[in-house]
Amino acid sequence: MLLKRLREEVLEANLELVRKGLVLYTFGNASGVDREQGLVVIKPSGVDYDVLKPEDMVVTDLDGKIVEGTLRPSSDVDTHTLLYREFKGIGAVVHTHSEFATSFAQAGMSIPAFGTTHADYFHGPVPVTAPLSDAAIEGRYVHETGLAIVARFDGANSEPAIDPMAVPACLVAGHAPFVWGKNAADAAHNAVVLEAVAKMAYRTLTLKASAVEVSQALLDRHYQRKHGAKATYGQG
């Protein structure tokens, strides 16, 4: 069986999404990549989480072609593999339809950086893509979803470019969030935090529709203390 350890890690990330309430039924998926071998491990499509085993995970190449497995990969595999090809520093991708993050995606709104909880994980607002065109939806829809994410981070439509390692998440307009990390556990962790900050942002806007984002100085301070070259958070 190829990539036994990565299969176990990807399965655990999928199960973590369920434990944290980010997934209903068979919604959502997690994957991980082995950069040396150029292979991806991803959840199979439509299989109940209660019965998933490491050997059920599907192995594909970086173009989504099945290399090992008897089940079909997640229907979002082309988005996952495109993100691996374009964002070279990431090691795992998670997709959920978590309630609050998805609400922002459906509204076509980015998640503002209102406070330090947000800043600890995302160095700026979590962006939302432009809506997909009818042609994109009717064509290679899942591939086009990935292109929309990459375009937003590249700074399409005169918007500022974003470092995908500093803001490891994107909302797909009218759809839901995609989140990534250095490995499967990290990507799942980021997805859980994304839902938490989306809930806080929603409540902030409910309390005060004119609320303003945290200052750049405070955003920088909190992000850098966890992720900067001289990070002070944790035990090193």
C-alpha atoms as a PDB file:
ATOM      1  CA  MET A   1       0.000   0.000   0.000  1.00  0.00           C
ATOM      2  CA  LEU A   2       1.491   3.311  -1.096  1.00  0.00           C
ATOM      3  CA  LEU A   3       2.012   6.155   1.394  1.00  0.00           C
ATOM      4  CA  LYS A   4       0.725   4.348   4.480  1.00  0.00           C
ATOM      5  CA  ARG A   5       1.682   7.131   6.898  1.00  0.00           C
ATOM      6  CA  LEU A   6       0.189   9.877   4.736  1.00  0.00           C
ATOM      7  CA  ARG A   7      -3.038   7.887   4.376  1.00  0.00           C
ATOM      8  CA  GLU A   8      -3.296   7.703   8.168  1.00  0.00           C
ATOM      9  CA  GLU A   9      -2.642  11.439   8.523  1.00  0.00           C
ATOM     10  CA  VAL A  10      -5.220  12.353   5.874  1.00  0.00           C
ATOM     11  CA  LEU A  11      -7.826  10.070   7.437  1.00  0.00           C
ATOM     12  CA  GLU A  12      -7.214  11.660  10.836  1.00  0.00           C
ATOM     13  CA  ALA A  13      -7.606  15.152   9.330  1.00  0.00           C
ATOM     14  CA  ASN A  14     -10.922  14.135   7.787  1.00  0.00           C
ATOM     15  CA  LEU A  15     -12.127  12.741  11.104  1.00  0.00           C
ATOM     16  CA  GLU A  16     -11.023  15.898  12.925  1.00  0.00           C
ATOM     17  CA  LEU A  17     -13.353  17.934  10.700  1.00  0.00           C
ATOM     18  CA  VAL A  18     -16.221  15.733  11.847  1.00  0.00           C
ATOM     19  CA  ARG A  19     -15.233  15.903  15.530  1.00  0.00           C
ATOM     20  CA  LYS A  20     -15.105  19.702  15.409  1.00  0.00           C
ATOM     21  CA  GLY A  21     -18.507  19.995  13.734  1.00  0.00           C
ATOM     22  CA  LEU A  22     -17.273  21.360  10.409  1.00  0.00           C
ATOM     23  CA  VAL A  23     -18.750  18.529   8.350  1.00  0.00           C
ATOM     24  CA  LEU A  24     -22.279  17.132   7.967  1.00  0.00           C
ATOM     25  CA  TYR A  25     -22.837  13.661   6.520  1.00  0.00           C
ATOM     26  CA  THR A  26     -20.243  13.220   3.761  1.00  0.00           C
ATOM     27  CA  PHE A  27     -19.688  16.932   3.080  1.00  0.00           C
ATOM     28  CA  GLY A  28     -16.089  18.071   2.917  1.00  0.00           C
ATOM     29  CA  ASN A  29     -12.736  16.436   2.303  1.00  0.00           C
ATOM     30  CA  ALA A  30      -9.077  16.567   3.231  1.00  0.00           C
ATOM     31  CA  SER A  31      -5.988  15.604   1.276  1.00  0.00           C
ATOM     32  CA  GLY A  32      -2.220  15.574   1.676  1.00  0.00           C
ATOM     33  CA  VAL A  33       0.675  15.599  -0.762  1.00  0.00           C
ATOM     34  CA  ASP A  34       4.001  13.766  -0.874  1.00  0.00           C
ATOM     35  CA  ARG A  35       6.164  16.265  -2.731  1.00  0.00           C
ATOM     36  CA  GLU A  36       9.063  13.861  -3.282  1.00  0.00           C
ATOM     37  CA  GLN A  37       6.880  11.293  -5.030  1.00  0.00           C
ATOM     38  CA  GLY A  38       4.477  13.791  -6.569  1.00  0.00           C
ATOM     39  CA  LEU A  39       1.487  11.909  -5.164  1.00  0.00           C
ATOM     40  CA  VAL A  40      -1.684  13.034  -3.406  1.00  0.00           C
ATOM     41  CA  VAL A  41      -3.775  11.136  -0.843  1.00  0.00           C
ATOM     42  CA  ILE A  42      -7.418  12.227  -0.694  1.00  0.00           C
ATOM     43  CA  LYS A  43     -10.706  11.132   0.822  1.00  0.00           C
ATOM     44  CA  PRO A  44     -12.917   9.005  -1.451  1.00  0.00           C
ATOM     45  CA  SER A  45     -16.113  10.579  -2.746  1.00  0.00           C
ATOM     46  CA  GLY A  46     -19.325  10.168  -0.772  1.00  0.00           C
ATOM     47  CA  VAL A  47     -18.089   7.563   1.721  1.00  0.00           C
ATOM     48  CA  ASP A  48     -19.423   7.840   5.282  1.00  0.00           C
ATOM     49  CA  TYR A  49     -16.766   8.990   7.735  1.00  0.00           C
ATOM     50  CA  ASP A  50     -17.807   6.311  10.223  1.00  0.00           C
ATOM     51  CA  VAL A  51     -16.536   3.541   7.980  1.00  0.00           C
ATOM     52  CA  LEU A  52     -13.441   5.179   6.488  1.00  0.00           C
ATOM     53  CA  LYS A  53     -10.124   3.358   6.883  1.00  0.00           C
ATOM     54  CA  PRO A  54      -6.614   4.360   5.772  1.00  0.00           C
ATOM     55  CA  GLU A  55      -6.763   1.867   2.915  1.00  0.00           C
ATOM     56  CA  ASP A  56      -9.898   3.612   1.607  1.00  0.00           C
ATOM     57  CA  MET A  57      -7.941   6.780   0.883  1.00  0.00           C
ATOM     58  CA  VAL A  58      -7.289   7.299  -2.818  1.00  0.00           C
ATOM     59  CA  VAL A  59      -3.808   8.018  -4.203  1.00  0.00           C
ATOM     60  CA  THR A  60      -3.569  10.217  -7.301  1.00  0.00           C
ATOM     61  CA  ASP A  61      -0.836  12.024  -9.147  1.00  0.00           C
ATOM     62  CA  LEU A  62      -0.644  15.818  -9.197  1.00  0.00           C
ATOM     63  CA  ASP A  63      -3.079  15.901 -12.116  1.00  0.00           C
ATOM     64  CA  GLY A  64      -5.712  13.880 -10.258  1.00  0.00           C
ATOM     65  CA  LYS A  65      -5.127  10.601 -12.102  1.00  0.00           C
ATOM     66  CA  ILE A  66      -5.705   7.590  -9.815  1.00  0.00           C
ATOM     67  CA  VAL A  67      -2.496   5.760  -8.964  1.00  0.00           C
ATOM     68  CA  GLU A  68      -3.835   3.444  -6.268  1.00  0.00           C
ATOM     69  CA  GLY A  69      -7.278   2.785  -4.812  1.00  0.00           C
ATOM     70  CA  THR A  70     -10.525   1.062  -5.718  1.00  0.00           C
ATOM     71  CA  LEU A  71     -12.779   4.026  -4.871  1.00  0.00           C
ATOM     72  CA  ARG A  72     -13.303   7.281  -6.716  1.00  0.00           C
ATOM     73  CA  PRO A  73     -11.488  10.274  -5.201  1.00  0.00           C
ATOM     74  CA  SER A  74     -13.342  13.280  -3.827  1.00  0.00           C
ATOM     75  CA  SER A  75     -15.242  15.207  -6.467  1.00  0.00           C
ATOM     76  CA  ASP A  76     -13.065  18.204  -5.485  1.00  0.00           C
ATOM     77  CA  VAL A  77      -9.804  16.445  -6.394  1.00  0.00           C
ATOM     78  CA  ASP A  78      -9.067  18.786  -9.314  1.00  0.00           C
ATOM     79  CA  THR A  79      -9.199  21.793  -6.987  1.00  0.00           C
ATOM     80  CA  HIS A  80      -6.872  20.118  -4.496  1.00  0.00           C
ATOM     81  CA  THR A  81      -4.321  19.083  -7.110  1.00  0.00           C
ATOM     82  CA  LEU A  82      -4.333  22.495  -8.785  1.00  0.00           C
ATOM     83  CA  LEU A  83      -3.604  24.150  -5.435  1.00  0.00           C
ATOM     84  CA  TYR A  84      -0.689  21.745  -4.887  1.00  0.00           C
ATOM     85  CA  ARG A  85       0.705  22.609  -8.306  1.00  0.00           C
ATOM     86  CA  GLU A  86       0.357  26.360  -7.808  1.00  0.00           C
ATOM     87  CA  PHE A  87       1.077  26.818  -4.077  1.00  0.00           C
ATOM     88  CA  LYS A  88       4.382  24.977  -3.757  1.00  0.00           C
ATOM     89  CA  GLY A  89       4.749  25.450  -0.006  1.00  0.00           C
ATOM     90  CA  ILE A  90       1.564  23.714   1.094  1.00  0.00           C
ATOM     91  CA  GLY A  91       1.351  20.091   2.223  1.00  0.00           C
ATOM     92  CA  ALA A  92      -2.391  19.538   2.679  1.00  0.00           C
ATOM     93  CA  VAL A  93      -5.770  20.954   1.656  1.00  0.00           C
ATOM     94  CA  VAL A  94      -9.109  20.849   3.472  1.00  0.00           C
ATOM     95  CA  HIS A  95     -12.531  21.743   2.086  1.00  0.00           C
ATOM     96  CA  THR A  96     -15.613  22.088   4.271  1.00  0.00           C
ATOM     97  CA  HIS A  97     -19.043  23.686   4.191  1.00  0.00           C
ATOM     98  CA  SER A  98     -18.731  24.933   7.768  1.00  0.00           C
ATOM     99  CA  GLU A  99     -21.623  27.179   8.709  1.00  0.00           C
ATOM    100  CA  PHE A 100     -20.135  30.608   9.331  1.00  0.00           C
ATOM    101  CA  ALA A 101     -17.265  30.562   6.822  1.00  0.00           C
ATOM    102  CA  THR A 102     -19.691  29.317   4.178  1.00  0.00           C
ATOM    103  CA  SER A 103     -22.101  32.131   5.068  1.00  0.00           C
ATOM    104  CA  PHE A 104     -19.405  34.674   4.189  1.00  0.00           C
ATOM    105  CA  ALA A 105     -18.684  32.783   0.947  1.00  0.00           C
ATOM    106  CA  GLN A 106     -22.380  32.811   0.042  1.00  0.00           C
ATOM    107  CA  ALA A 107     -22.538  36.535   0.734  1.00  0.00           C
ATOM    108  CA  GLY A 108     -19.481  37.078  -1.465  1.00  0.00           C
ATOM    109  CA  MET A 109     -17.691  38.716   1.468  1.00  0.00           C
ATOM    110  CA  SER A 110     -14.155  38.330   2.733  1.00  0.00           C
ATOM    111  CA  ILE A 111     -13.729  37.703   6.464  1.00  0.00           C
ATOM    112  CA  PRO A 112     -12.320  40.918   7.972  1.00  0.00           C
ATOM    113  CA  ALA A 113      -9.432  40.784  10.429  1.00  0.00           C
ATOM    114  CA  PHE A 114     -11.301  42.287  13.361  1.00  0.00           C
ATOM    115  CA  GLY A 115      -9.044  41.093  16.152  1.00  0.00           C
ATOM    116  CA  THR A 116      -6.019  39.264  17.436  1.00  0.00           C
ATOM    117  CA  THR A 117      -7.557  35.779  17.259  1.00  0.00           C
ATOM    118  CA  HIS A 118      -7.820  36.247  13.507  1.00  0.00           C
ATOM    119  CA  ALA A 119      -4.329  37.778  13.339  1.00  0.00           C
ATOM    120  CA  ASP A 120      -2.757  34.784  15.097  1.00  0.00           C
ATOM    121  CA  TYR A 121      -3.539  32.640  12.036  1.00  0.00           C
ATOM    122  CA  PHE A 122      -4.344  34.863   9.063  1.00  0.00           C
ATOM    123  CA  HIS A 123      -2.158  37.851   8.204  1.00  0.00           C
ATOM    124  CA  GLY A 124      -5.035  39.875   6.813  1.00  0.00           C
ATOM    125  CA  PRO A 125      -8.628  39.317   5.707  1.00  0.00           C
ATOM    126  CA  VAL A 126      -9.537  35.868   4.417  1.00  0.00           C
ATOM    127  CA  PRO A 127     -10.343  36.667   0.780  1.00  0.00           C
ATOM    128  CA  VAL A 128     -13.269  35.620  -1.364  1.00  0.00           C
ATOM    129  CA  THR A 129     -12.935  34.755  -5.046  1.00  0.00           C
ATOM    130  CA  ALA A 130     -14.748  36.435  -7.887  1.00  0.00           C
ATOM    131  CA  PRO A 131     -17.917  34.560  -8.884  1.00  0.00           C
ATOM    132  CA  LEU A 132     -17.352  31.882 -11.516  1.00  0.00           C
ATOM    133  CA  SER A 133     -18.699  32.645 -14.971  1.00  0.00           C
ATOM    134  CA  ASP A 134     -21.408  30.499 -16.515  1.00  0.00           C
ATOM    135  CA  ALA A 135     -18.822  29.126 -18.936  1.00  0.00           C
ATOM    136  CA  ALA A 136     -16.544  28.103 -16.064  1.00  0.00           C
ATOM    137  CA  ILE A 137     -19.407  26.434 -14.218  1.00  0.00           C
ATOM    138  CA  GLU A 138     -20.548  24.550 -17.305  1.00  0.00           C
ATOM    139  CA  GLY A 139     -16.994  23.556 -18.227  1.00  0.00           C
ATOM    140  CA  ARG A 140     -14.246  22.178 -15.970  1.00  0.00           C
ATOM    141  CA  TYR A 141     -16.028  23.473 -12.891  1.00  0.00           C
ATOM    142  CA  VAL A 142     -13.823  21.928 -10.192  1.00  0.00           C
ATOM    143  CA  HIS A 143     -10.643  22.936 -12.030  1.00  0.00           C
ATOM    144  CA  GLU A 144     -12.045  26.447 -12.521  1.00  0.00           C
ATOM    145  CA  THR A 145     -12.706  26.654  -8.777  1.00  0.00           C
ATOM    146  CA  GLY A 146      -8.993  26.174  -8.174  1.00  0.00           C
ATOM    147  CA  LEU A 147      -8.136  28.746 -10.836  1.00  0.00           C
ATOM    148  CA  ALA A 148     -10.402  31.272  -9.108  1.00  0.00           C
ATOM    149  CA  ILE A 149      -8.583  30.747  -5.810  1.00  0.00           C
ATOM    150  CA  VAL A 150      -5.164  31.106  -7.428  1.00  0.00           C
ATOM    151  CA  ALA A 151      -6.291  34.207  -9.338  1.00  0.00           C
ATOM    152  CA  ARG A 152      -7.379  35.880  -6.110  1.00  0.00           C
ATOM    153  CA  PHE A 153      -4.020  35.218  -4.482  1.00  0.00           C
ATOM    154  CA  ASP A 154      -2.148  36.363  -7.588  1.00  0.00           C
ATOM    155  CA  GLY A 155      -3.964  39.695  -7.407  1.00  0.00           C
ATOM    156  CA  ALA A 156      -6.443  39.394 -10.262  1.00  0.00           C
ATOM    157  CA  ASN A 157      -8.995  42.137 -10.994  1.00  0.00           C
ATOM    158  CA  SER A 158      -6.683  44.850  -9.616  1.00  0.00           C
ATOM    159  CA  GLU A 159      -6.895  43.387  -6.110  1.00  0.00           C
ATOM    160  CA  PRO A 160      -3.725  43.082  -3.983  1.00  0.00           C
ATOM    161  CA  ALA A 161      -1.779  39.843  -4.211  1.00  0.00           C
ATOM    162  CA  ILE A 162      -1.784  37.635  -1.107  1.00  0.00           C
ATOM    163  CA  ASP A 163       0.840  35.225   0.201  1.00  0.00           C
ATOM    164  CA  PRO A 164      -0.914  31.828   0.483  1.00  0.00           C
ATOM    165  CA  MET A 165       1.398  30.864   3.317  1.00  0.00           C
ATOM    166  CA  ALA A 166       0.414  33.931   5.351  1.00  0.00           C
ATOM    167  CA  VAL A 167      -3.331  33.589   4.674  1.00  0.00           C
ATOM    168  CA  PRO A 168      -3.891  29.826   4.388  1.00  0.00           C
ATOM    169  CA  ALA A 169      -7.549  29.947   3.350  1.00  0.00           C
ATOM    170  CA  CYS A 170      -9.885  31.259   0.682  1.00  0.00           C
ATOM    171  CA  LEU A 171     -13.647  31.509   0.346  1.00  0.00           C
ATOM    172  CA  VAL A 172     -15.050  30.485  -3.020  1.00  0.00           C
ATOM    173  CA  ALA A 173     -17.915  32.843  -3.842  1.00  0.00           C
ATOM    174  CA  GLY A 174     -21.281  31.142  -3.573  1.00  0.00           C
ATOM    175  CA  HIS A 175     -19.617  27.932  -2.442  1.00  0.00           C
ATOM    176  CA  ALA A 176     -17.482  27.407   0.676  1.00  0.00           C
ATOM    177  CA  PRO A 177     -13.949  27.609   2.100  1.00  0.00           C
ATOM    178  CA  PHE A 178     -10.775  25.846   1.035  1.00  0.00           C
ATOM    179  CA  VAL A 179      -8.016  25.817   3.656  1.00  0.00           C
ATOM    180  CA  TRP A 180      -4.440  24.539   3.577  1.00  0.00           C
ATOM    181  CA  GLY A 181      -1.426  23.975   5.795  1.00  0.00           C
ATOM    182  CA  LYS A 182       2.023  22.441   6.040  1.00  0.00           C
ATOM    183  CA  ASN A 183       0.531  18.999   6.677  1.00  0.00           C
ATOM    184  CA  ALA A 184      -2.895  17.400   7.089  1.00  0.00           C
ATOM    185  CA  ALA A 185      -3.183  18.113  10.811  1.00  0.00           C
ATOM    186  CA  ASP A 186      -2.179  21.741  10.256  1.00  0.00           C
ATOM    187  CA  ALA A 187      -4.722  22.203   7.459  1.00  0.00           C
ATOM    188  CA  ALA A 188      -7.520  20.741   9.601  1.00  0.00           C
ATOM    189  CA  HIS A 189      -6.436  22.974  12.502  1.00  0.00           C
ATOM    190  CA  ASN A 190      -6.572  26.037  10.247  1.00  0.00           C
ATOM    191  CA  ALA A 191     -10.044  25.053   9.060  1.00  0.00           C
ATOM    192  CA  VAL A 192     -11.287  24.847  12.648  1.00  0.00           C
ATOM    193  CA  VAL A 193      -9.807  28.261  13.453  1.00  0.00           C
ATOM    194  CA  LEU A 194     -11.245  29.732  10.248  1.00  0.00           C
ATOM    195  CA  GLU A 195     -14.736  28.724  11.334  1.00  0.00           C
ATOM    196  CA  ALA A 196     -14.144  30.255  14.769  1.00  0.00           C
ATOM    197  CA  VAL A 197     -12.967  33.609  13.395  1.00  0.00           C
ATOM    198  CA  ALA A 198     -15.806  33.619  10.833  1.00  0.00           C
ATOM    199  CA  LYS A 199     -18.289  33.189  13.688  1.00  0.00           C
ATOM    200  CA  MET A 200     -16.635  36.029  15.626  1.00  0.00           C
ATOM    201  CA  ALA A 201     -16.620  38.265  12.551  1.00  0.00           C
ATOM    202  CA  TYR A 202     -20.312  37.574  11.941  1.00  0.00           C
ATOM    203  CA  ARG A 203     -21.132  38.491  15.517  1.00  0.00           C
ATOM    204  CA  THR A 204     -18.941  41.585  15.382  1.00  0.00           C
ATOM    205  CA  LEU A 205     -20.790  42.816  12.297  1.00  0.00           C
ATOM    206  CA  THR A 206     -24.115  41.973  13.943  1.00  0.00           C
ATOM    207  CA  LEU A 207     -23.209  44.062  16.978  1.00  0.00           C
ATOM    208  CA  LYS A 208     -21.716  46.890  14.933  1.00  0.00           C
ATOM    209  CA  ALA A 209     -22.091  46.921  11.163  1.00  0.00           C
ATOM    210  CA  SER A 210     -19.525  49.733  10.906  1.00  0.00           C
ATOM    211  CA  ALA A 211     -16.832  47.852  12.871  1.00  0.00           C
ATOM    212  CA  VAL A 212     -13.333  48.456  11.550  1.00  0.00           C
ATOM    213  CA  GLU A 213     -10.499  45.979  11.212  1.00  0.00           C
ATOM    214  CA  VAL A 214      -7.680  45.731  13.698  1.00  0.00           C
ATOM    215  CA  SER A 215      -4.720  48.061  13.100  1.00  0.00           C
ATOM    216  CA  GLN A 216      -1.871  46.896  10.876  1.00  0.00           C
ATOM    217  CA  ALA A 217       0.514  47.174  13.831  1.00  0.00           C
ATOM    218  CA  LEU A 218      -1.574  44.831  15.986  1.00  0.00           C
ATOM    219  CA  LEU A 219      -2.183  42.472  13.060  1.00  0.00           C
ATOM    220  CA  ASP A 220       1.563  42.285  12.400  1.00  0.00           C
ATOM    221  CA  ARG A 221       2.455  41.863  16.061  1.00  0.00           C
ATOM    222  CA  HIS A 222       0.136  38.918  16.621  1.00  0.00           C
ATOM    223  CA  TYR A 223       0.891  37.186  13.351  1.00  0.00           C
ATOM    224  CA  GLN A 224       4.655  37.551  13.709  1.00  0.00           C
ATOM    225  CA  ARG A 225       4.744  36.313  17.312  1.00  0.00           C
ATOM    226  CA  LYS A 226       3.472  32.961  16.032  1.00  0.00           C
ATOM    227  CA  HIS A 227       4.873  32.798  12.525  1.00  0.00           C
ATOM    228  CA  GLY A 228       7.707  35.297  12.216  1.00  0.00           C
ATOM    229  CA  ALA A 229      11.455  34.674  12.176  1.00  0.00           C
ATOM    230  CA  LYS A 230      11.595  35.660  15.852  1.00  0.00           C
ATOM    231  CA  ALA A 231       8.352  33.992  16.940  1.00  0.00           C
ATOM    232  CA  THR A 232       7.874  33.899  20.714  1.00  0.00           C
ATOM    233  CA  TYR A 233       4.712  31.794  20.985  1.00  0.00           C
ATOM    234  CA  GLY A 234       5.041  28.249  22.312  1.00  0.00           C
ATOM    235  CA  GLN A 235       8.124  26.323  23.328  1.00  0.00           C
ATOM    236  CA  GLY A 236      10.189  26.741  20.203  1.00  0.00           C
END
